[in-house]
Amino acid sequence: MAAGIINVRDIGNTHEAVTRISELYESEQIIGGDMFRAGFMDRESENA
């Protein structure tokens, strides 16, 4: 917000973190604009 960024796409996170942060933003409990979400996926491997 200090940099003028109001809309953000989260491109990879835990579902728990995304939903919690989104709720905090939307309820204006903490500062944050609109949030768009990408579900993150990888194939299981040692480098996943």
ModelCIF file with pLDDT and N, C-alpha, C, O atoms, coordinates in Angstrom:
data_MODEL
#
_entry.id   MODEL 
#
_entity.id                         1 
_entity.type                       polymer 
_entity.pdbx_number_of_molecules   1 
#
_entity_poly.entity_id                      1 
_entity_poly.type                           'polypeptide(L)' 
_entity_poly.nstd_linkage                   no 
_entity_poly.nstd_monomer                   no 
_entity_poly.pdbx_seq_one_letter_code       MAAGIINVRDIGNTHEAVTRISELYESEQIIGGDMFRAGFMDRESENA 
_entity_poly.pdbx_seq_one_letter_code_can   MAAGIINVRDIGNTHEAVTRISELYESEQIIGGDMFRAGFMDRESENA 
_entity_poly.pdbx_strand_id                 A 
#
loop_
_entity_poly_seq.entity_id 
_entity_poly_seq.num 
_entity_poly_seq.mon_id 
_entity_poly_seq.hetero 
1 1  MET n 
1 2  ALA n 
1 3  ALA n 
1 4  GLY n 
1 5  ILE n 
1 6  ILE n 
1 7  ASN n 
1 8  VAL n 
1 9  ARG n 
1 10 ASP n 
1 11 ILE n 
1 12 GLY n 
1 13 ASN n 
1 14 THR n 
1 15 HIS n 
1 16 GLU n 
1 17 ALA n 
1 18 VAL n 
1 19 THR n 
1 20 ARG n 
1 21 ILE n 
1 22 SER n 
1 23 GLU n 
1 24 LEU n 
1 25 TYR n 
1 26 GLU n 
1 27 SER n 
1 28 GLU n 
1 29 GLN n 
1 30 ILE n 
1 31 ILE n 
1 32 GLY n 
1 33 GLY n 
1 34 ASP n 
1 35 MET n 
1 36 PHE n 
1 37 ARG n 
1 38 ALA n 
1 39 GLY n 
1 40 PHE n 
1 41 MET n 
1 42 ASP n 
1 43 ARG n 
1 44 GLU n 
1 45 SER n 
1 46 GLU n 
1 47 ASN n 
1 48 ALA n 
#
_struct_asym.id          A 
_struct_asym.entity_id   1 
#
loop_
_ma_qa_metric.id 
_ma_qa_metric.mode 
_ma_qa_metric.name 
_ma_qa_metric.software_group_id 
_ma_qa_metric.type 
1 global pLDDT . pLDDT 
2 local  pLDDT . pLDDT 
#
_ma_qa_metric_global.metric_id      1 
_ma_qa_metric_global.metric_value   92.65 
_ma_qa_metric_global.model_id       1 
_ma_qa_metric_global.ordinal_id     1 
#
loop_
_ma_qa_metric_local.label_asym_id 
_ma_qa_metric_local.label_comp_id 
_ma_qa_metric_local.label_seq_id 
_ma_qa_metric_local.metric_id 
_ma_qa_metric_local.metric_value 
_ma_qa_metric_local.model_id 
_ma_qa_metric_local.ordinal_id 
A MET 1  2 98.00 1 1  
A ALA 2  2 98.00 1 2  
A ALA 3  2 98.00 1 3  
A GLY 4  2 98.00 1 4  
A ILE 5  2 98.00 1 5  
A ILE 6  2 98.00 1 6  
A ASN 7  2 98.00 1 7  
A VAL 8  2 98.00 1 8  
A ARG 9  2 98.00 1 9  
A ASP 10 2 96.00 1 10 
A ILE 11 2 95.00 1 11 
A GLY 12 2 91.00 1 12 
A ASN 13 2 91.00 1 13 
A THR 14 2 88.00 1 14 
A HIS 15 2 92.00 1 15 
A GLU 16 2 90.00 1 16 
A ALA 17 2 90.00 1 17 
A VAL 18 2 92.00 1 18 
A THR 19 2 93.00 1 19 
A ARG 20 2 93.00 1 20 
A ILE 21 2 95.00 1 21 
A SER 22 2 95.00 1 22 
A GLU 23 2 96.00 1 23 
A LEU 24 2 96.00 1 24 
A TYR 25 2 96.00 1 25 
A GLU 26 2 95.00 1 26 
A SER 27 2 95.00 1 27 
A GLU 28 2 95.00 1 28 
A GLN 29 2 97.00 1 29 
A ILE 30 2 97.00 1 30 
A ILE 31 2 97.00 1 31 
A GLY 32 2 97.00 1 32 
A GLY 33 2 94.00 1 33 
A ASP 34 2 95.00 1 34 
A MET 35 2 95.00 1 35 
A PHE 36 2 97.00 1 36 
A ARG 37 2 96.00 1 37 
A ALA 38 2 96.00 1 38 
A GLY 39 2 95.00 1 39 
A PHE 40 2 93.00 1 40 
A MET 41 2 91.00 1 41 
A ASP 42 2 88.00 1 42 
A ARG 43 2 89.00 1 43 
A GLU 44 2 84.00 1 44 
A SER 45 2 77.00 1 45 
A GLU 46 2 74.00 1 46 
A ASN 47 2 71.00 1 47 
A ALA 48 2 68.00 1 48 
#
loop_
_atom_site.group_PDB 
_atom_site.id 
_atom_site.type_symbol 
_atom_site.label_atom_id 
_atom_site.label_alt_id 
_atom_site.label_comp_id 
_atom_site.label_asym_id 
_atom_site.label_entity_id 
_atom_site.label_seq_id 
_atom_site.pdbx_PDB_ins_code 
_atom_site.Cartn_x 
_atom_site.Cartn_y 
_atom_site.Cartn_z 
_atom_site.occupancy 
_atom_site.B_iso_or_equiv 
_atom_site.pdbx_formal_charge 
_atom_site.auth_seq_id 
_atom_site.auth_comp_id 
_atom_site.auth_asym_id 
_atom_site.auth_atom_id 
_atom_site.pdbx_PDB_model_num 
ATOM 1   N N  . MET A 1 1  ? 0.828   -1.200  0.000  1.00 98.00 ? 1  MET A N  1 
ATOM 2   C CA . MET A 1 1  ? 0.000   0.000   0.000  1.00 98.00 ? 1  MET A CA 1 
ATOM 3   C C  . MET A 1 1  ? 0.864   1.253   0.000  1.00 98.00 ? 1  MET A C  1 
ATOM 4   O O  . MET A 1 1  ? 0.534   2.233   -0.667 1.00 98.00 ? 1  MET A O  1 
ATOM 5   N N  . ALA A 1 2  ? 1.963   1.229   0.740  1.00 98.00 ? 2  ALA A N  1 
ATOM 6   C CA . ALA A 1 2  ? 2.868   2.379   0.767  1.00 98.00 ? 2  ALA A CA 1 
ATOM 7   C C  . ALA A 1 2  ? 3.452   2.663   -0.609 1.00 98.00 ? 2  ALA A C  1 
ATOM 8   O O  . ALA A 1 2  ? 3.769   3.808   -0.930 1.00 98.00 ? 2  ALA A O  1 
ATOM 9   N N  . ALA A 1 3  ? 3.595   1.617   -1.423 1.00 98.00 ? 3  ALA A N  1 
ATOM 10  C CA . ALA A 1 3  ? 4.149   1.763   -2.772 1.00 98.00 ? 3  ALA A CA 1 
ATOM 11  C C  . ALA A 1 3  ? 3.074   1.996   -3.824 1.00 98.00 ? 3  ALA A C  1 
ATOM 12  O O  . ALA A 1 3  ? 3.391   2.095   -5.009 1.00 98.00 ? 3  ALA A O  1 
ATOM 13  N N  . GLY A 1 4  ? 1.810   2.085   -3.420 1.00 98.00 ? 4  GLY A N  1 
ATOM 14  C CA . GLY A 1 4  ? 0.739   2.305   -4.373 1.00 98.00 ? 4  GLY A CA 1 
ATOM 15  C C  . GLY A 1 4  ? 0.218   1.042   -5.020 1.00 98.00 ? 4  GLY A C  1 
ATOM 16  O O  . GLY A 1 4  ? -0.486  1.103   -6.028 1.00 98.00 ? 4  GLY A O  1 
ATOM 17  N N  . ILE A 1 5  ? 0.561   -0.121  -4.444 1.00 98.00 ? 5  ILE A N  1 
ATOM 18  C CA . ILE A 1 5  ? 0.109   -1.406  -4.990 1.00 98.00 ? 5  ILE A CA 1 
ATOM 19  C C  . ILE A 1 5  ? -1.136  -1.831  -4.229 1.00 98.00 ? 5  ILE A C  1 
ATOM 20  O O  . ILE A 1 5  ? -1.072  -2.132  -3.037 1.00 98.00 ? 5  ILE A O  1 
ATOM 21  N N  . ILE A 1 6  ? -2.269  -1.856  -4.922 1.00 98.00 ? 6  ILE A N  1 
ATOM 22  C CA . ILE A 1 6  ? -3.551  -2.130  -4.272 1.00 98.00 ? 6  ILE A CA 1 
ATOM 23  C C  . ILE A 1 6  ? -4.063  -3.532  -4.587 1.00 98.00 ? 6  ILE A C  1 
ATOM 24  O O  . ILE A 1 6  ? -4.681  -4.173  -3.737 1.00 98.00 ? 6  ILE A O  1 
ATOM 25  N N  . ASN A 1 7  ? -3.808  -4.010  -5.805 1.00 98.00 ? 7  ASN A N  1 
ATOM 26  C CA . ASN A 1 7  ? -4.266  -5.340  -6.211 1.00 98.00 ? 7  ASN A CA 1 
ATOM 27  C C  . ASN A 1 7  ? -3.074  -6.278  -6.347 1.00 98.00 ? 7  ASN A C  1 
ATOM 28  O O  . ASN A 1 7  ? -2.054  -5.921  -6.938 1.00 98.00 ? 7  ASN A O  1 
ATOM 29  N N  . VAL A 1 8  ? -3.211  -7.476  -5.798 1.00 98.00 ? 8  VAL A N  1 
ATOM 30  C CA . VAL A 1 8  ? -2.092  -8.418  -5.767 1.00 98.00 ? 8  VAL A CA 1 
ATOM 31  C C  . VAL A 1 8  ? -2.582  -9.809  -6.133 1.00 98.00 ? 8  VAL A C  1 
ATOM 32  O O  . VAL A 1 8  ? -3.631  -10.258 -5.671 1.00 98.00 ? 8  VAL A O  1 
ATOM 33  N N  . ARG A 1 9  ? -1.802  -10.487 -6.976 1.00 98.00 ? 9  ARG A N  1 
ATOM 34  C CA . ARG A 1 9  ? -2.073  -11.908 -7.236 1.00 98.00 ? 9  ARG A CA 1 
ATOM 35  C C  . ARG A 1 9  ? -1.058  -12.731 -6.465 1.00 98.00 ? 9  ARG A C  1 
ATOM 36  O O  . ARG A 1 9  ? 0.148   -12.616 -6.684 1.00 98.00 ? 9  ARG A O  1 
ATOM 37  N N  . ASP A 1 10 ? -1.559  -13.565 -5.556 1.00 96.00 ? 10 ASP A N  1 
ATOM 38  C CA . ASP A 1 10 ? -0.690  -14.506 -4.853 1.00 96.00 ? 10 ASP A CA 1 
ATOM 39  C C  . ASP A 1 10 ? -0.489  -15.704 -5.773 1.00 96.00 ? 10 ASP A C  1 
ATOM 40  O O  . ASP A 1 10 ? -1.441  -16.416 -6.093 1.00 96.00 ? 10 ASP A O  1 
ATOM 41  N N  . ILE A 1 11 ? 0.748   -15.921 -6.192 1.00 95.00 ? 11 ILE A N  1 
ATOM 42  C CA . ILE A 1 11 ? 1.034   -16.916 -7.218 1.00 95.00 ? 11 ILE A CA 1 
ATOM 43  C C  . ILE A 1 11 ? 1.521   -18.243 -6.639 1.00 95.00 ? 11 ILE A C  1 
ATOM 44  O O  . ILE A 1 11 ? 1.849   -19.165 -7.386 1.00 95.00 ? 11 ILE A O  1 
ATOM 45  N N  . GLY A 1 12 ? 1.568   -18.343 -5.285 1.00 91.00 ? 12 GLY A N  1 
ATOM 46  C CA . GLY A 1 12 ? 1.977   -19.601 -4.691 1.00 91.00 ? 12 GLY A CA 1 
ATOM 47  C C  . GLY A 1 12 ? 2.120   -19.472 -3.195 1.00 91.00 ? 12 GLY A C  1 
ATOM 48  O O  . GLY A 1 12 ? 2.968   -18.728 -2.701 1.00 91.00 ? 12 GLY A O  1 
ATOM 49  N N  . ASN A 1 13 ? 1.276   -20.210 -2.464 1.00 91.00 ? 13 ASN A N  1 
ATOM 50  C CA . ASN A 1 13 ? 1.257   -20.079 -1.017 1.00 91.00 ? 13 ASN A CA 1 
ATOM 51  C C  . ASN A 1 13 ? 0.504   -21.273 -0.453 1.00 91.00 ? 13 ASN A C  1 
ATOM 52  O O  . ASN A 1 13 ? -0.028  -22.087 -1.207 1.00 91.00 ? 13 ASN A O  1 
ATOM 53  N N  . THR A 1 14 ? 0.458   -21.380 0.860  1.00 88.00 ? 14 THR A N  1 
ATOM 54  C CA . THR A 1 14 ? -0.412  -22.384 1.451  1.00 88.00 ? 14 THR A CA 1 
ATOM 55  C C  . THR A 1 14 ? -1.847  -21.871 1.422  1.00 88.00 ? 14 THR A C  1 
ATOM 56  O O  . THR A 1 14 ? -2.082  -20.665 1.505  1.00 88.00 ? 14 THR A O  1 
ATOM 57  N N  . HIS A 1 15 ? -2.789  -22.772 1.307  1.00 92.00 ? 15 HIS A N  1 
ATOM 58  C CA . HIS A 1 15 ? -4.202  -22.371 1.301  1.00 92.00 ? 15 HIS A CA 1 
ATOM 59  C C  . HIS A 1 15 ? -4.556  -21.680 2.610  1.00 92.00 ? 15 HIS A C  1 
ATOM 60  O O  . HIS A 1 15 ? -5.315  -20.710 2.623  1.00 92.00 ? 15 HIS A O  1 
ATOM 61  N N  . GLU A 1 16 ? -4.013  -22.176 3.692  1.00 90.00 ? 16 GLU A N  1 
ATOM 62  C CA . GLU A 1 16 ? -4.288  -21.588 5.003  1.00 90.00 ? 16 GLU A CA 1 
ATOM 63  C C  . GLU A 1 16 ? -3.853  -20.125 5.040  1.00 90.00 ? 16 GLU A C  1 
ATOM 64  O O  . GLU A 1 16 ? -4.599  -19.264 5.507  1.00 90.00 ? 16 GLU A O  1 
ATOM 65  N N  . ALA A 1 17 ? -2.640  -19.842 4.546  1.00 90.00 ? 17 ALA A N  1 
ATOM 66  C CA . ALA A 1 17 ? -2.132  -18.470 4.568  1.00 90.00 ? 17 ALA A CA 1 
ATOM 67  C C  . ALA A 1 17 ? -2.938  -17.570 3.655  1.00 90.00 ? 17 ALA A C  1 
ATOM 68  O O  . ALA A 1 17 ? -3.278  -16.449 4.032  1.00 90.00 ? 17 ALA A O  1 
ATOM 69  N N  . VAL A 1 18 ? -3.248  -18.048 2.453  1.00 92.00 ? 18 VAL A N  1 
ATOM 70  C CA . VAL A 1 18 ? -3.996  -17.242 1.486  1.00 92.00 ? 18 VAL A CA 1 
ATOM 71  C C  . VAL A 1 18 ? -5.359  -16.851 2.039  1.00 92.00 ? 18 VAL A C  1 
ATOM 72  O O  . VAL A 1 18 ? -5.746  -15.684 1.970  1.00 92.00 ? 18 VAL A O  1 
ATOM 73  N N  . THR A 1 19 ? -6.081  -17.806 2.581  1.00 93.00 ? 19 THR A N  1 
ATOM 74  C CA . THR A 1 19 ? -7.433  -17.504 3.059  1.00 93.00 ? 19 THR A CA 1 
ATOM 75  C C  . THR A 1 19 ? -7.392  -16.605 4.288  1.00 93.00 ? 19 THR A C  1 
ATOM 76  O O  . THR A 1 19 ? -8.221  -15.706 4.422  1.00 93.00 ? 19 THR A O  1 
ATOM 77  N N  . ARG A 1 20 ? -6.439  -16.837 5.186  1.00 93.00 ? 20 ARG A N  1 
ATOM 78  C CA . ARG A 1 20 ? -6.345  -15.999 6.379  1.00 93.00 ? 20 ARG A CA 1 
ATOM 79  C C  . ARG A 1 20 ? -6.012  -14.558 6.016  1.00 93.00 ? 20 ARG A C  1 
ATOM 80  O O  . ARG A 1 20 ? -6.648  -13.627 6.508  1.00 93.00 ? 20 ARG A O  1 
ATOM 81  N N  . ILE A 1 21 ? -5.019  -14.378 5.158  1.00 95.00 ? 21 ILE A N  1 
ATOM 82  C CA . ILE A 1 21 ? -4.612  -13.021 4.771  1.00 95.00 ? 21 ILE A CA 1 
ATOM 83  C C  . ILE A 1 21 ? -5.728  -12.327 4.004  1.00 95.00 ? 21 ILE A C  1 
ATOM 84  O O  . ILE A 1 21 ? -5.993  -11.145 4.217  1.00 95.00 ? 21 ILE A O  1 
ATOM 85  N N  . SER A 1 22 ? -6.380  -13.063 3.113  1.00 95.00 ? 22 SER A N  1 
ATOM 86  C CA . SER A 1 22 ? -7.494  -12.486 2.349  1.00 95.00 ? 22 SER A CA 1 
ATOM 87  C C  . SER A 1 22 ? -8.600  -11.997 3.277  1.00 95.00 ? 22 SER A C  1 
ATOM 88  O O  . SER A 1 22 ? -9.142  -10.909 3.083  1.00 95.00 ? 22 SER A O  1 
ATOM 89  N N  . GLU A 1 23 ? -8.931  -12.792 4.276  1.00 96.00 ? 23 GLU A N  1 
ATOM 90  C CA . GLU A 1 23 ? -9.973  -12.398 5.234  1.00 96.00 ? 23 GLU A CA 1 
ATOM 91  C C  . GLU A 1 23 ? -9.561  -11.158 6.026  1.00 96.00 ? 23 GLU A C  1 
ATOM 92  O O  . GLU A 1 23 ? -10.385 -10.282 6.288  1.00 96.00 ? 23 GLU A O  1 
ATOM 93  N N  . LEU A 1 24 ? -8.284  -11.089 6.407  1.00 96.00 ? 24 LEU A N  1 
ATOM 94  C CA . LEU A 1 24 ? -7.801  -9.925  7.152  1.00 96.00 ? 24 LEU A CA 1 
ATOM 95  C C  . LEU A 1 24 ? -7.848  -8.663  6.294  1.00 96.00 ? 24 LEU A C  1 
ATOM 96  O O  . LEU A 1 24 ? -8.188  -7.586  6.785  1.00 96.00 ? 24 LEU A O  1 
ATOM 97  N N  . TYR A 1 25 ? -7.506  -8.799  5.010  1.00 96.00 ? 25 TYR A N  1 
ATOM 98  C CA . TYR A 1 25 ? -7.575  -7.655  4.096  1.00 96.00 ? 25 TYR A CA 1 
ATOM 99  C C  . TYR A 1 25 ? -9.021  -7.205  3.895  1.00 96.00 ? 25 TYR A C  1 
ATOM 100 O O  . TYR A 1 25 ? -9.346  -6.024  4.025  1.00 96.00 ? 25 TYR A O  1 
ATOM 101 N N  . GLU A 1 26 ? -9.877  -8.170  3.578  1.00 95.00 ? 26 GLU A N  1 
ATOM 102 C CA . GLU A 1 26 ? -11.260 -7.829  3.250  1.00 95.00 ? 26 GLU A CA 1 
ATOM 103 C C  . GLU A 1 26 ? -11.998 -7.215  4.430  1.00 95.00 ? 26 GLU A C  1 
ATOM 104 O O  . GLU A 1 26 ? -12.835 -6.331  4.250  1.00 95.00 ? 26 GLU A O  1 
ATOM 105 N N  . SER A 1 27 ? -11.692 -7.677  5.627  1.00 95.00 ? 27 SER A N  1 
ATOM 106 C CA . SER A 1 27 ? -12.344 -7.138  6.821  1.00 95.00 ? 27 SER A CA 1 
ATOM 107 C C  . SER A 1 27 ? -11.674 -5.858  7.309  1.00 95.00 ? 27 SER A C  1 
ATOM 108 O O  . SER A 1 27 ? -12.130 -5.231  8.266  1.00 95.00 ? 27 SER A O  1 
ATOM 109 N N  . GLU A 1 28 ? -10.584 -5.478  6.638  1.00 95.00 ? 28 GLU A N  1 
ATOM 110 C CA . GLU A 1 28 ? -9.818  -4.278  6.971  1.00 95.00 ? 28 GLU A CA 1 
ATOM 111 C C  . GLU A 1 28 ? -9.243  -4.315  8.381  1.00 95.00 ? 28 GLU A C  1 
ATOM 112 O O  . GLU A 1 28 ? -9.017  -3.278  9.005  1.00 95.00 ? 28 GLU A O  1 
ATOM 113 N N  . GLN A 1 29 ? -9.009  -5.537  8.871  1.00 97.00 ? 29 GLN A N  1 
ATOM 114 C CA . GLN A 1 29 ? -8.320  -5.658  10.160 1.00 97.00 ? 29 GLN A CA 1 
ATOM 115 C C  . GLN A 1 29 ? -6.855  -5.272  10.025 1.00 97.00 ? 29 GLN A C  1 
ATOM 116 O O  . GLN A 1 29 ? -6.265  -4.698  10.940 1.00 97.00 ? 29 GLN A O  1 
ATOM 117 N N  . ILE A 1 30 ? -6.274  -5.595  8.868  1.00 97.00 ? 30 ILE A N  1 
ATOM 118 C CA . ILE A 1 30 ? -4.919  -5.147  8.552  1.00 97.00 ? 30 ILE A CA 1 
ATOM 119 C C  . ILE A 1 30 ? -4.957  -4.492  7.176  1.00 97.00 ? 30 ILE A C  1 
ATOM 120 O O  . ILE A 1 30 ? -5.922  -4.651  6.429  1.00 97.00 ? 30 ILE A O  1 
ATOM 121 N N  . ILE A 1 31 ? -3.913  -3.765  6.852  1.00 97.00 ? 31 ILE A N  1 
ATOM 122 C CA . ILE A 1 31 ? -3.868  -3.031  5.589  1.00 97.00 ? 31 ILE A CA 1 
ATOM 123 C C  . ILE A 1 31 ? -3.541  -3.981  4.451  1.00 97.00 ? 31 ILE A C  1 
ATOM 124 O O  . ILE A 1 31 ? -2.599  -4.768  4.539  1.00 97.00 ? 31 ILE A O  1 
ATOM 125 N N  . GLY A 1 32 ? -4.317  -3.905  3.390  1.00 97.00 ? 32 GLY A N  1 
ATOM 126 C CA . GLY A 1 32 ? -4.090  -4.720  2.197  1.00 97.00 ? 32 GLY A CA 1 
ATOM 127 C C  . GLY A 1 32 ? -5.237  -4.548  1.241  1.00 97.00 ? 32 GLY A C  1 
ATOM 128 O O  . GLY A 1 32 ? -6.383  -4.394  1.664  1.00 97.00 ? 32 GLY A O  1 
ATOM 129 N N  . GLY A 1 33 ? -4.950  -4.573  -0.040 1.00 94.00 ? 33 GLY A N  1 
ATOM 130 C CA . GLY A 1 33 ? -5.985  -4.367  -1.056 1.00 94.00 ? 33 GLY A CA 1 
ATOM 131 C C  . GLY A 1 33 ? -6.642  -5.652  -1.489 1.00 94.00 ? 33 GLY A C  1 
ATOM 132 O O  . GLY A 1 33 ? -6.725  -6.607  -0.717 1.00 94.00 ? 33 GLY A O  1 
ATOM 133 N N  . ASP A 1 34 ? -7.113  -5.680  -2.736 1.00 95.00 ? 34 ASP A N  1 
ATOM 134 C CA . ASP A 1 34 ? -7.777  -6.868  -3.270 1.00 95.00 ? 34 ASP A CA 1 
ATOM 135 C C  . ASP A 1 34 ? -6.745  -7.934  -3.620 1.00 95.00 ? 34 ASP A C  1 
ATOM 136 O O  . ASP A 1 34 ? -5.639  -7.625  -4.063 1.00 95.00 ? 34 ASP A O  1 
ATOM 137 N N  . MET A 1 35 ? -7.119  -9.181  -3.416 1.00 95.00 ? 35 MET A N  1 
ATOM 138 C CA . MET A 1 35 ? -6.204  -10.298 -3.569 1.00 95.00 ? 35 MET A CA 1 
ATOM 139 C C  . MET A 1 35 ? -6.790  -11.319 -4.534 1.00 95.00 ? 35 MET A C  1 
ATOM 140 O O  . MET A 1 35 ? -7.953  -11.703 -4.414 1.00 95.00 ? 35 MET A O  1 
ATOM 141 N N  . PHE A 1 36 ? -5.972  -11.757 -5.497 1.00 97.00 ? 36 PHE A N  1 
ATOM 142 C CA . PHE A 1 36 ? -6.360  -12.778 -6.459 1.00 97.00 ? 36 PHE A CA 1 
ATOM 143 C C  . PHE A 1 36 ? -5.464  -13.988 -6.229 1.00 97.00 ? 36 PHE A C  1 
ATOM 144 O O  . PHE A 1 36 ? -4.304  -13.840 -5.843 1.00 97.00 ? 36 PHE A O  1 
ATOM 145 N N  . ARG A 1 37 ? -6.002  -15.196 -6.466 1.00 96.00 ? 37 ARG A N  1 
ATOM 146 C CA . ARG A 1 37 ? -5.311  -16.393 -5.995 1.00 96.00 ? 37 ARG A CA 1 
ATOM 147 C C  . ARG A 1 37 ? -5.018  -17.389 -7.108 1.00 96.00 ? 37 ARG A C  1 
ATOM 148 O O  . ARG A 1 37 ? -5.861  -17.668 -7.961 1.00 96.00 ? 37 ARG A O  1 
ATOM 149 N N  . ALA A 1 38 ? -3.798  -17.916 -7.073 1.00 96.00 ? 38 ALA A N  1 
ATOM 150 C CA . ALA A 1 38 ? -3.419  -19.030 -7.936 1.00 96.00 ? 38 ALA A CA 1 
ATOM 151 C C  . ALA A 1 38 ? -3.131  -20.234 -7.052 1.00 96.00 ? 38 ALA A C  1 
ATOM 152 O O  . ALA A 1 38 ? -2.361  -20.137 -6.096 1.00 96.00 ? 38 ALA A O  1 
ATOM 153 N N  . GLY A 1 39 ? -3.739  -21.353 -7.366 1.00 95.00 ? 39 GLY A N  1 
ATOM 154 C CA . GLY A 1 39 ? -3.458  -22.581 -6.634 1.00 95.00 ? 39 GLY A CA 1 
ATOM 155 C C  . GLY A 1 39 ? -2.124  -23.157 -7.071 1.00 95.00 ? 39 GLY A C  1 
ATOM 156 O O  . GLY A 1 39 ? -1.858  -23.277 -8.267 1.00 95.00 ? 39 GLY A O  1 
ATOM 157 N N  . PHE A 1 40 ? -1.294  -23.510 -6.117 1.00 93.00 ? 40 PHE A N  1 
ATOM 158 C CA . PHE A 1 40 ? 0.082   -23.925 -6.391 1.00 93.00 ? 40 PHE A CA 1 
ATOM 159 C C  . PHE A 1 40 ? 0.190   -25.449 -6.390 1.00 93.00 ? 40 PHE A C  1 
ATOM 160 O O  . PHE A 1 40 ? -0.320  -26.119 -5.491 1.00 93.00 ? 40 PHE A O  1 
ATOM 161 N N  . MET A 1 41 ? 0.869   -25.991 -7.421 1.00 91.00 ? 41 MET A N  1 
ATOM 162 C CA . MET A 1 41 ? 0.945   -27.442 -7.569 1.00 91.00 ? 41 MET A CA 1 
ATOM 163 C C  . MET A 1 41 ? 2.295   -27.877 -8.123 1.00 91.00 ? 41 MET A C  1 
ATOM 164 O O  . MET A 1 41 ? 2.873   -27.207 -8.980 1.00 91.00 ? 41 MET A O  1 
ATOM 165 N N  . ASP A 1 42 ? 2.789   -29.000 -7.626 1.00 88.00 ? 42 ASP A N  1 
ATOM 166 C CA . ASP A 1 42 ? 4.009   -29.596 -8.170 1.00 88.00 ? 42 ASP A CA 1 
ATOM 167 C C  . ASP A 1 42 ? 3.863   -31.107 -8.114 1.00 88.00 ? 42 ASP A C  1 
ATOM 168 O O  . ASP A 1 42 ? 3.008   -31.642 -7.408 1.00 88.00 ? 42 ASP A O  1 
ATOM 169 N N  . ARG A 1 43 ? 4.707   -31.775 -8.867 1.00 89.00 ? 43 ARG A N  1 
ATOM 170 C CA . ARG A 1 43 ? 4.751   -33.235 -8.745 1.00 89.00 ? 43 ARG A CA 1 
ATOM 171 C C  . ARG A 1 43 ? 5.684   -33.597 -7.592 1.00 89.00 ? 43 ARG A C  1 
ATOM 172 O O  . ARG A 1 43 ? 6.713   -32.951 -7.391 1.00 89.00 ? 43 ARG A O  1 
ATOM 173 N N  . GLU A 1 44 ? 5.324   -34.620 -6.848 1.00 84.00 ? 44 GLU A N  1 
ATOM 174 C CA . GLU A 1 44 ? 6.152   -35.051 -5.730 1.00 84.00 ? 44 GLU A CA 1 
ATOM 175 C C  . GLU A 1 44 ? 7.520   -35.501 -6.256 1.00 84.00 ? 44 GLU A C  1 
ATOM 176 O O  . GLU A 1 44 ? 7.614   -36.358 -7.135 1.00 84.00 ? 44 GLU A O  1 
ATOM 177 N N  . SER A 1 45 ? 8.577   -34.900 -5.696 1.00 77.00 ? 45 SER A N  1 
ATOM 178 C CA . SER A 1 45 ? 9.952   -35.286 -6.004 1.00 77.00 ? 45 SER A CA 1 
ATOM 179 C C  . SER A 1 45 ? 10.847  -34.659 -4.952 1.00 77.00 ? 45 SER A C  1 
ATOM 180 O O  . SER A 1 45 ? 10.382  -33.860 -4.139 1.00 77.00 ? 45 SER A O  1 
ATOM 181 N N  . GLU A 1 46 ? 12.114  -35.006 -4.955 1.00 74.00 ? 46 GLU A N  1 
ATOM 182 C CA . GLU A 1 46 ? 13.025  -34.423 -3.973 1.00 74.00 ? 46 GLU A CA 1 
ATOM 183 C C  . GLU A 1 46 ? 13.207  -32.927 -4.198 1.00 74.00 ? 46 GLU A C  1 
ATOM 184 O O  . GLU A 1 46 ? 13.632  -32.213 -3.290 1.00 74.00 ? 46 GLU A O  1 
ATOM 185 N N  . ASN A 1 47 ? 12.889  -32.445 -5.398 1.00 71.00 ? 47 ASN A N  1 
ATOM 186 C CA . ASN A 1 47 ? 13.013  -31.027 -5.715 1.00 71.00 ? 47 ASN A CA 1 
ATOM 187 C C  . ASN A 1 47 ? 11.672  -30.304 -5.709 1.00 71.00 ? 47 ASN A C  1 
ATOM 188 O O  . ASN A 1 47 ? 11.584  -29.152 -6.132 1.00 71.00 ? 47 ASN A O  1 
ATOM 189 N N  . ALA A 1 48 ? 10.641  -30.967 -5.238 1.00 68.00 ? 48 ALA A N  1 
ATOM 190 C CA . ALA A 1 48 ? 9.313   -30.355 -5.267 1.00 68.00 ? 48 ALA A CA 1 
ATOM 191 C C  . ALA A 1 48 ? 9.249   -29.135 -4.364 1.00 68.00 ? 48 ALA A C  1 
ATOM 192 O O  . ALA A 1 48 ? 8.203   -28.494 -4.266 1.00 68.00 ? 48 ALA A O  1 
#
